[in-house]
Amino acid sequence: MPALPMNEVVRALMAHPDVADAVLSSERSHDGRQFEIAFVAVDPDRLSVGKANHLQAETERRVAQWRRAFDQAYRHDADSLAPSFVGWTSNFTNKPIPEPEMADWLDRTIQRIRALGARRVLEIGCGVGLLVEKLAPGCEVYCGTDLSPVAVQRLRAFAQSRPELRHVEFLEREATDLTGLLPHSFDAVVLNSVVQYFPGIEYLHTVLERAADLVAPGGHIFVGDVRNLELLPAFHREVQAAKAAPGATEASLERKIFLSIAQDRELVIDPGYFQGISETIPQIGAADVLLKQGSSYELTRYRYDVVLRVGRQTVSARTDNNSLVPDMKHWADERRPLATDPMAAAFLQHLGMALGNALRAELPDAQLPAAVIALSQRDFAEIVRALLRVPADPGSREAAEASI
């Protein structure tokens, strides 16, 4: 492409120390209204620093998010301490997931954990207590930890109101903090539907390392409801198709799918990560990656469960036809990531909003883009190629080329 002068908005964006490149794209809404979107590439070194700085703020945001969720859950019935499905929202409809689906999901999760035969259980991220209520009565020892002080306070009160739960201990702490718990003191450690909220794969690995020390040989670590990286494009395609406005162009839909993947702020993991985990956590002898059970709905189509067996004597060469685990050699050769980077996504979204605010302050009289979207350099290159290959309208190619 010929080197063409950048316009005023792009020049202002490029002046920011975090920005390595920028482009404007002309878009057209389904009702014919034309507007611009600015895409910026963030310098890799600045991205690394930014996501590290963002970690503490994101942790505090998660705590506040839990507090709001519990406030919502108990606002309807302040006298009820019992766990509920309030707060479980569908990505497709932005409405509560239908209760029959939630009940089926919970029943099948309980069945899978009970099949491990554990009598001494540590649950990391016990949340509203859905598992506590069902599993703890049949256990000799049950300990639940959670980051949220609201969760811990409510669950303590709930357990005290139920004789069959009075032996349960609740600890307010983050997932990596397992201090004070004795080695080999549990038959199973459970992390169900929580790892998607972890700040990264390294954090999960630390949790699993420490959890493995607490499990007696022959015991298990159950990691439930893991979002599947292999199915992430299919998930976002289905979500965006469900939400697409009438008359939306295919190019517009493709960009929305791409951006929703790039901006996903949850930890999404390829099953291959668990296949190779015994190489770095030697206490773990085998990993069984299991398809979710039940009828097809959001919580079964795009997620899986993992049972990690502790103790080298449990090493298995199992290769089920139903296994979700890919050939690790193939993945190593291609150097494809085994997980998303939630902290990078969170920082990039925060930076995009900050850049938009800076533009409004610096260029109050200019026609500004409707949004500024910050991306890694790899994703930026992909979006630029897409803009030039399949423009949303006749003006898109000219706008993209003139802004590079």
Protein backbone atom coordinates (compact mmCIF):
# COMPACT_ATOMS: atom_id res chain seq x y z
CA MET A 1 0.00 0.00 0.00
CA PRO A 2 1.30 3.52 -0.74
CA ALA A 3 2.38 5.66 2.20
CA LEU A 4 -0.39 8.23 2.61
CA PRO A 5 -0.70 11.04 5.16
CA MET A 6 -2.63 10.28 8.35
CA ASN A 7 -5.60 12.39 9.29
CA GLU A 8 -5.84 14.43 12.46
CA VAL A 9 -7.60 11.80 14.57
CA VAL A 10 -5.09 9.08 13.69
CA ARG A 11 -2.19 11.43 14.35
CA ALA A 12 -3.59 12.24 17.80
CA LEU A 13 -3.96 8.54 18.58
CA MET A 14 -0.42 7.78 17.43
CA ALA A 15 0.92 10.41 19.82
CA HIS A 16 -0.10 8.24 22.79
CA PRO A 17 2.90 6.31 24.19
CA ASP A 18 1.00 2.99 24.24
CA VAL A 19 -0.05 3.15 20.58
CA ALA A 20 2.14 1.63 17.85
CA ASP A 21 -0.29 1.97 14.93
CA ALA A 22 -3.81 3.18 14.17
CA VAL A 23 -6.45 2.93 11.46
CA LEU A 24 -9.96 4.32 10.90
CA SER A 25 -12.75 2.23 9.44
CA SER A 26 -15.97 3.57 7.97
CA GLU A 27 -18.95 1.51 9.08
CA ARG A 28 -22.61 1.59 8.12
CA SER A 29 -25.37 0.66 10.54
CA HIS A 30 -28.35 -1.47 9.48
CA ASP A 31 -30.43 1.71 9.11
CA GLY A 32 -27.90 3.29 6.72
CA ARG A 33 -26.18 5.61 9.21
CA GLN A 34 -22.43 5.94 8.56
CA PHE A 35 -19.87 6.26 11.35
CA GLU A 36 -16.22 5.55 12.02
CA ILE A 37 -14.41 3.17 14.34
CA ALA A 38 -10.77 3.66 15.31
CA PHE A 39 -8.57 0.60 15.79
CA VAL A 40 -5.19 0.97 17.48
CA ALA A 41 -2.31 -1.46 17.90
CA VAL A 42 -0.67 -1.41 21.33
CA ASP A 43 3.08 -1.73 21.67
CA PRO A 44 3.85 -5.22 23.11
CA ASP A 45 6.08 -3.92 25.90
CA ARG A 46 3.49 -1.35 26.92
CA LEU A 47 0.82 -4.05 26.84
CA SER A 48 2.83 -6.24 29.23
CA VAL A 49 3.28 -3.37 31.67
CA GLY A 50 -0.33 -2.28 31.35
CA LYS A 51 -1.88 -5.67 32.04
CA ALA A 52 0.38 -6.17 35.08
CA ASN A 53 -0.70 -2.83 36.49
CA HIS A 54 -4.31 -3.68 35.72
CA LEU A 55 -4.24 -6.92 37.72
CA GLN A 56 -4.93 -5.37 41.14
CA ALA A 57 -7.70 -3.15 39.82
CA GLU A 58 -9.30 -6.14 38.09
CA THR A 59 -9.17 -8.20 41.31
CA GLU A 60 -10.93 -5.41 43.19
CA ARG A 61 -13.50 -5.18 40.37
CA ARG A 62 -14.23 -8.90 40.71
CA VAL A 63 -14.88 -8.50 44.45
CA ALA A 64 -17.23 -5.59 43.77
CA GLN A 65 -18.95 -7.65 41.05
CA TRP A 66 -19.58 -10.49 43.52
CA ARG A 67 -20.96 -8.03 46.05
CA ARG A 68 -23.43 -6.68 43.48
CA ALA A 69 -24.42 -10.23 42.50
CA PHE A 70 -25.17 -11.16 46.10
CA ASP A 71 -27.06 -7.94 46.71
CA GLN A 72 -29.21 -8.80 43.71
CA ALA A 73 -29.67 -12.40 44.84
CA TYR A 74 -30.92 -11.50 48.30
CA ARG A 75 -32.84 -8.33 47.47
CA HIS A 76 -35.83 -10.42 46.38
CA ASP A 77 -35.98 -12.38 49.64
CA ALA A 78 -33.82 -10.89 52.37
CA ASP A 79 -34.76 -13.64 54.81
CA SER A 80 -33.64 -16.47 52.54
CA LEU A 81 -30.07 -17.67 52.88
CA ALA A 82 -30.44 -20.64 50.52
CA PRO A 83 -28.33 -20.78 47.35
CA SER A 84 -30.08 -19.81 44.13
CA PHE A 85 -29.45 -19.43 40.41
CA VAL A 86 -29.93 -15.65 40.48
CA GLY A 87 -27.17 -13.95 38.50
CA TRP A 88 -26.64 -16.68 35.89
CA THR A 89 -27.26 -14.79 32.65
CA SER A 90 -27.33 -16.06 29.08
CA ASN A 91 -24.83 -14.53 26.65
CA PHE A 92 -27.37 -15.04 23.88
CA THR A 93 -30.36 -13.26 25.40
CA ASN A 94 -28.88 -11.22 28.28
CA LYS A 95 -31.67 -12.76 30.35
CA PRO A 96 -31.47 -15.34 33.16
CA ILE A 97 -30.59 -18.82 31.95
CA PRO A 98 -33.81 -20.90 32.18
CA GLU A 99 -34.02 -22.64 35.54
CA PRO A 100 -34.55 -26.15 34.05
CA GLU A 101 -31.20 -25.78 32.26
CA MET A 102 -29.49 -24.58 35.44
CA ALA A 103 -31.01 -27.42 37.48
CA ASP A 104 -29.87 -30.00 34.93
CA TRP A 105 -26.37 -28.46 34.85
CA LEU A 106 -26.15 -28.58 38.65
CA ASP A 107 -27.48 -32.15 38.97
CA ARG A 108 -25.01 -33.50 36.42
CA THR A 109 -22.11 -31.65 38.04
CA ILE A 110 -23.03 -33.09 41.44
CA GLN A 111 -23.21 -36.60 39.95
CA ARG A 112 -19.77 -36.24 38.39
CA ILE A 113 -18.16 -35.03 41.64
CA ARG A 114 -19.91 -37.65 43.79
CA ALA A 115 -18.55 -40.35 41.48
CA LEU A 116 -15.05 -39.48 42.77
CA GLY A 117 -16.03 -40.92 46.17
CA ALA A 118 -14.42 -38.11 48.16
CA ARG A 119 -15.26 -37.77 51.86
CA ARG A 120 -12.95 -34.83 52.55
CA VAL A 121 -13.51 -31.97 50.10
CA LEU A 122 -12.00 -28.54 49.59
CA GLU A 123 -14.03 -26.28 47.28
CA ILE A 124 -12.16 -23.28 45.92
CA GLY A 125 -14.58 -20.55 44.88
CA CYS A 126 -17.72 -21.78 46.64
CA GLY A 127 -19.73 -18.71 45.58
CA VAL A 128 -23.42 -18.90 46.39
CA GLY A 129 -23.06 -22.42 47.80
CA LEU A 130 -24.79 -24.47 45.10
CA LEU A 131 -22.32 -27.34 45.54
CA VAL A 132 -22.03 -26.90 49.31
CA GLU A 133 -25.74 -27.53 49.81
CA LYS A 134 -25.69 -30.76 47.78
CA LEU A 135 -22.26 -32.25 48.52
CA ALA A 136 -21.35 -31.26 52.08
CA PRO A 137 -24.01 -33.35 53.91
CA GLY A 138 -22.36 -36.52 52.60
CA CYS A 139 -18.82 -35.48 53.54
CA GLU A 140 -16.87 -35.90 56.76
CA VAL A 141 -14.91 -32.71 56.05
CA TYR A 142 -15.95 -29.87 53.76
CA CYS A 143 -14.08 -26.57 53.46
CA GLY A 144 -15.12 -23.78 51.11
CA THR A 145 -13.05 -20.74 50.19
CA ASP A 146 -14.14 -17.63 48.33
CA LEU A 147 -12.74 -14.22 47.48
CA SER A 148 -16.00 -12.48 48.39
CA PRO A 149 -16.58 -11.51 52.03
CA VAL A 150 -20.30 -11.31 51.26
CA ALA A 151 -20.32 -14.88 49.99
CA VAL A 152 -18.48 -16.20 53.03
CA GLN A 153 -20.70 -14.33 55.51
CA ARG A 154 -23.93 -15.51 53.88
CA LEU A 155 -22.74 -19.11 53.59
CA ARG A 156 -21.65 -19.22 57.23
CA ALA A 157 -25.11 -18.06 58.26
CA PHE A 158 -26.76 -20.55 55.89
CA ALA A 159 -24.65 -23.47 57.20
CA GLN A 160 -25.47 -22.61 60.80
CA SER A 161 -29.18 -22.72 59.95
CA ARG A 162 -28.87 -26.30 58.61
CA PRO A 163 -27.78 -29.06 61.04
CA GLU A 164 -26.35 -31.17 58.20
CA LEU A 165 -24.00 -28.31 57.22
CA ARG A 166 -22.69 -27.20 60.60
CA HIS A 167 -19.40 -29.06 60.08
CA VAL A 168 -18.60 -26.96 56.99
CA GLU A 169 -15.78 -24.41 57.31
CA PHE A 170 -15.69 -21.27 55.15
CA LEU A 171 -12.57 -19.19 54.55
CA GLU A 172 -12.44 -15.74 52.96
CA ARG A 173 -9.40 -15.77 50.68
CA GLU A 174 -8.34 -15.76 47.07
CA ALA A 175 -7.84 -19.01 45.19
CA THR A 176 -4.05 -19.15 45.49
CA ASP A 177 -4.13 -18.73 49.28
CA LEU A 178 -4.26 -22.23 50.72
CA THR A 179 -2.17 -21.48 53.80
CA GLY A 180 -3.06 -23.32 56.98
CA LEU A 181 -4.45 -26.35 55.12
CA LEU A 182 -2.47 -29.53 55.74
CA PRO A 183 -0.82 -31.57 52.97
CA HIS A 184 -2.77 -34.67 51.89
CA SER A 185 -5.72 -33.64 54.08
CA PHE A 186 -8.36 -33.85 51.31
CA ASP A 187 -9.63 -36.54 48.98
CA ALA A 188 -10.70 -33.98 46.41
CA VAL A 189 -10.28 -30.32 45.58
CA VAL A 190 -13.12 -28.83 43.53
CA LEU A 191 -13.00 -25.74 41.33
CA ASN A 192 -16.35 -25.55 39.57
CA SER A 193 -17.26 -22.74 37.20
CA VAL A 194 -14.63 -20.42 38.67
CA VAL A 195 -11.46 -20.73 36.58
CA GLN A 196 -12.96 -18.53 33.85
CA TYR A 197 -12.67 -15.66 36.34
CA PHE A 198 -8.96 -16.24 37.02
CA PRO A 199 -6.61 -13.54 35.69
CA GLY A 200 -4.59 -15.94 33.55
CA ILE A 201 -3.34 -19.46 32.91
CA GLU A 202 -0.31 -18.87 35.15
CA TYR A 203 -2.64 -18.09 38.06
CA LEU A 204 -4.61 -21.30 37.44
CA HIS A 205 -1.38 -23.28 37.31
CA THR A 206 -0.33 -21.90 40.69
CA VAL A 207 -3.70 -22.87 42.18
CA LEU A 208 -3.42 -26.40 40.79
CA GLU A 209 0.16 -26.79 42.05
CA ARG A 210 -0.87 -25.84 45.57
CA ALA A 211 -4.08 -27.86 45.44
CA ALA A 212 -2.16 -30.99 44.40
CA ASP A 213 -0.13 -30.79 47.61
CA LEU A 214 -3.34 -30.92 49.65
CA VAL A 215 -4.76 -34.02 47.98
CA ALA A 216 -3.92 -37.48 49.32
CA PRO A 217 -2.43 -39.92 46.79
CA GLY A 218 -5.24 -41.50 44.81
CA GLY A 219 -7.42 -38.42 45.24
CA HIS A 220 -8.63 -35.96 42.62
CA ILE A 221 -8.84 -32.34 41.54
CA PHE A 222 -12.11 -31.59 39.75
CA VAL A 223 -12.06 -28.55 37.43
CA GLY A 224 -15.58 -27.99 36.17
CA ASP A 225 -17.21 -25.80 33.57
CA VAL A 226 -14.01 -24.88 31.73
CA ARG A 227 -14.64 -22.73 28.66
CA ASN A 228 -13.18 -24.43 25.59
CA LEU A 229 -10.69 -22.39 23.54
CA GLU A 230 -11.18 -24.64 20.52
CA LEU A 231 -14.87 -23.67 20.48
CA LEU A 232 -14.42 -19.96 21.21
CA PRO A 233 -14.94 -18.87 17.56
CA ALA A 234 -18.07 -21.03 17.29
CA PHE A 235 -19.41 -19.63 20.57
CA HIS A 236 -18.97 -15.99 19.57
CA ARG A 237 -20.29 -16.64 16.07
CA GLU A 238 -23.48 -18.08 17.51
CA VAL A 239 -23.84 -15.25 20.04
CA GLN A 240 -23.31 -12.51 17.45
CA ALA A 241 -25.63 -14.18 14.95
CA ALA A 242 -28.33 -14.33 17.61
CA LYS A 243 -27.91 -10.63 18.36
CA ALA A 244 -27.42 -9.37 14.79
CA ALA A 245 -29.74 -6.61 13.66
CA PRO A 246 -31.89 -7.20 10.55
CA GLY A 247 -29.95 -6.24 7.44
CA ALA A 248 -26.50 -6.57 9.06
CA THR A 249 -23.83 -7.31 6.45
CA GLU A 250 -21.70 -10.45 6.54
CA ALA A 251 -18.56 -8.30 6.79
CA SER A 252 -19.97 -6.44 9.78
CA LEU A 253 -20.90 -9.72 11.47
CA GLU A 254 -17.42 -11.15 10.86
CA ARG A 255 -15.77 -8.11 12.45
CA LYS A 256 -18.06 -8.31 15.47
CA ILE A 257 -17.18 -11.98 15.89
CA PHE A 258 -13.46 -11.22 15.61
CA LEU A 259 -13.64 -8.36 18.10
CA SER A 260 -15.77 -10.28 20.59
CA ILE A 261 -13.10 -13.00 20.60
CA ALA A 262 -10.27 -10.48 20.99
CA GLN A 263 -12.11 -8.67 23.80
CA ASP A 264 -13.28 -11.73 25.75
CA ARG A 265 -12.24 -11.03 29.33
CA GLU A 266 -12.60 -14.56 30.70
CA LEU A 267 -9.99 -17.32 30.87
CA VAL A 268 -10.73 -19.76 28.06
CA ILE A 269 -8.51 -22.85 27.97
CA ASP A 270 -7.63 -25.43 25.36
CA PRO A 271 -8.02 -29.00 26.70
CA GLY A 272 -4.41 -29.63 25.67
CA TYR A 273 -3.22 -27.61 28.65
CA PHE A 274 -4.54 -30.26 31.01
CA GLN A 275 -3.08 -33.13 28.99
CA GLY A 276 0.43 -31.85 29.55
CA ILE A 277 0.00 -30.73 33.15
CA SER A 278 1.78 -33.71 34.73
CA GLU A 279 5.01 -32.53 33.06
CA THR A 280 5.04 -29.42 35.27
CA ILE A 281 3.01 -30.63 38.27
CA PRO A 282 4.48 -34.10 38.93
CA GLN A 283 1.97 -34.87 41.72
CA ILE A 284 -0.69 -35.14 39.01
CA GLY A 285 -0.57 -38.50 37.32
CA ALA A 286 -3.37 -38.28 34.77
CA ALA A 287 -5.95 -35.90 33.35
CA ASP A 288 -9.34 -36.96 32.01
CA VAL A 289 -11.01 -34.27 29.92
CA LEU A 290 -14.74 -34.92 29.83
CA LEU A 291 -17.53 -33.72 27.62
CA LYS A 292 -20.32 -31.95 29.48
CA GLN A 293 -23.37 -34.12 29.97
CA GLY A 294 -26.99 -33.25 29.36
CA SER A 295 -29.00 -31.71 26.56
CA SER A 296 -27.54 -29.00 24.35
CA TYR A 297 -27.55 -25.52 25.85
CA GLU A 298 -25.03 -22.78 26.56
CA LEU A 299 -23.44 -24.43 29.61
CA THR A 300 -22.89 -27.75 27.82
CA ARG A 301 -22.07 -26.86 24.21
CA TYR A 302 -18.92 -24.82 24.81
CA ARG A 303 -17.51 -26.14 28.10
CA TYR A 304 -15.91 -29.26 29.54
CA ASP A 305 -14.91 -30.81 32.86
CA VAL A 306 -11.51 -32.12 33.91
CA VAL A 307 -10.66 -34.76 36.50
CA LEU A 308 -6.99 -34.63 37.55
CA ARG A 309 -5.87 -37.74 39.40
CA VAL A 310 -3.21 -37.18 42.05
CA GLY A 311 -0.39 -39.69 42.53
CA ARG A 312 2.06 -41.02 39.99
CA GLN A 313 0.64 -44.52 40.36
CA THR A 314 -2.50 -43.32 38.61
CA VAL A 315 -0.75 -42.51 35.31
CA SER A 316 -3.00 -43.54 32.47
CA ALA A 317 -2.50 -43.94 28.74
CA ARG A 318 -6.22 -43.52 28.19
CA THR A 319 -7.24 -42.27 24.76
CA ASP A 320 -11.03 -42.12 24.52
CA ASN A 321 -12.63 -41.37 21.18
CA ASN A 322 -14.65 -38.77 23.10
CA SER A 323 -11.53 -37.03 24.41
CA LEU A 324 -11.32 -33.31 23.77
CA VAL A 325 -7.51 -33.35 24.03
CA PRO A 326 -5.63 -32.51 20.82
CA ASP A 327 -2.18 -33.78 19.85
CA MET A 328 0.18 -31.63 21.95
CA LYS A 329 3.06 -32.14 19.51
CA HIS A 330 1.03 -30.52 16.75
CA TRP A 331 0.21 -27.56 19.00
CA ALA A 332 3.81 -27.12 20.11
CA ASP A 333 4.95 -26.98 16.50
CA GLU A 334 2.44 -24.27 15.64
CA ARG A 335 3.09 -22.35 18.89
CA ARG A 336 -0.59 -21.65 19.32
CA PRO A 337 -1.69 -20.34 22.71
CA LEU A 338 -3.34 -22.75 25.11
CA ALA A 339 -5.44 -20.06 26.79
CA THR A 340 -6.73 -16.53 26.39
CA ASP A 341 -5.17 -13.61 28.26
CA PRO A 342 -7.93 -11.97 30.35
CA MET A 343 -5.71 -9.27 31.83
CA ALA A 344 -4.54 -8.17 28.39
CA ALA A 345 -8.16 -8.00 27.19
CA ALA A 346 -9.19 -6.01 30.26
CA PHE A 347 -6.32 -3.56 29.86
CA LEU A 348 -6.99 -3.10 26.14
CA GLN A 349 -10.66 -2.31 26.76
CA HIS A 350 -9.71 0.16 29.49
CA LEU A 351 -7.13 1.77 27.19
CA GLY A 352 -9.64 2.07 24.35
CA MET A 353 -12.02 4.02 26.58
CA ALA A 354 -9.17 6.21 27.85
CA LEU A 355 -8.08 6.99 24.30
CA GLY A 356 -11.64 7.93 23.35
CA ASN A 357 -11.83 10.33 26.31
CA ALA A 358 -8.43 11.81 25.38
CA LEU A 359 -9.62 12.43 21.82
CA ARG A 360 -12.71 14.27 23.01
CA ALA A 361 -10.57 16.47 25.24
CA GLU A 362 -7.92 17.17 22.60
CA LEU A 363 -10.19 17.58 19.57
CA PRO A 364 -13.47 18.95 20.91
CA ASP A 365 -14.56 20.34 17.53
CA ALA A 366 -13.50 17.39 15.36
CA GLN A 367 -15.73 14.62 14.02
CA LEU A 368 -14.57 11.76 16.20
CA PRO A 369 -14.93 7.99 15.83
CA ALA A 370 -17.84 6.35 17.62
CA ALA A 371 -15.37 4.14 19.50
CA VAL A 372 -11.67 3.48 19.89
CA ILE A 373 -10.80 -0.21 20.03
CA ALA A 374 -7.32 -1.14 21.31
CA LEU A 375 -5.87 -4.44 20.10
CA SER A 376 -2.67 -6.45 20.31
CA GLN A 377 -0.44 -6.01 17.29
CA ARG A 378 -1.39 -9.47 16.01
CA ASP A 379 -5.13 -8.77 16.24
CA PHE A 380 -4.64 -5.30 14.77
CA ALA A 381 -2.93 -6.80 11.72
CA GLU A 382 -5.84 -9.24 11.34
CA ILE A 383 -8.48 -6.53 11.50
CA VAL A 384 -6.62 -4.36 8.97
CA ARG A 385 -6.40 -7.30 6.56
CA ALA A 386 -10.12 -7.92 7.03
CA LEU A 387 -10.97 -4.26 6.42
CA LEU A 388 -9.05 -4.23 3.15
CA ARG A 389 -10.27 -7.67 2.04
CA VAL A 390 -14.01 -7.36 2.75
CA PRO A 391 -15.01 -3.72 3.32
CA ALA A 392 -18.33 -3.02 5.05
CA ASP A 393 -19.29 -0.45 2.41
CA PRO A 394 -17.69 1.17 -0.69
CA GLY A 395 -15.93 3.79 1.42
CA SER A 396 -14.28 1.41 3.85
CA ARG A 397 -11.27 0.47 1.71
CA GLU A 398 -10.44 4.10 0.97
CA ALA A 399 -10.82 5.03 4.64
CA ALA A 400 -8.57 2.19 5.78
CA GLU A 401 -5.86 2.83 3.19
CA ALA A 402 -5.84 6.58 3.88
CA SER A 403 -5.39 6.01 7.58
CA ILE A 404 -2.45 3.58 7.52
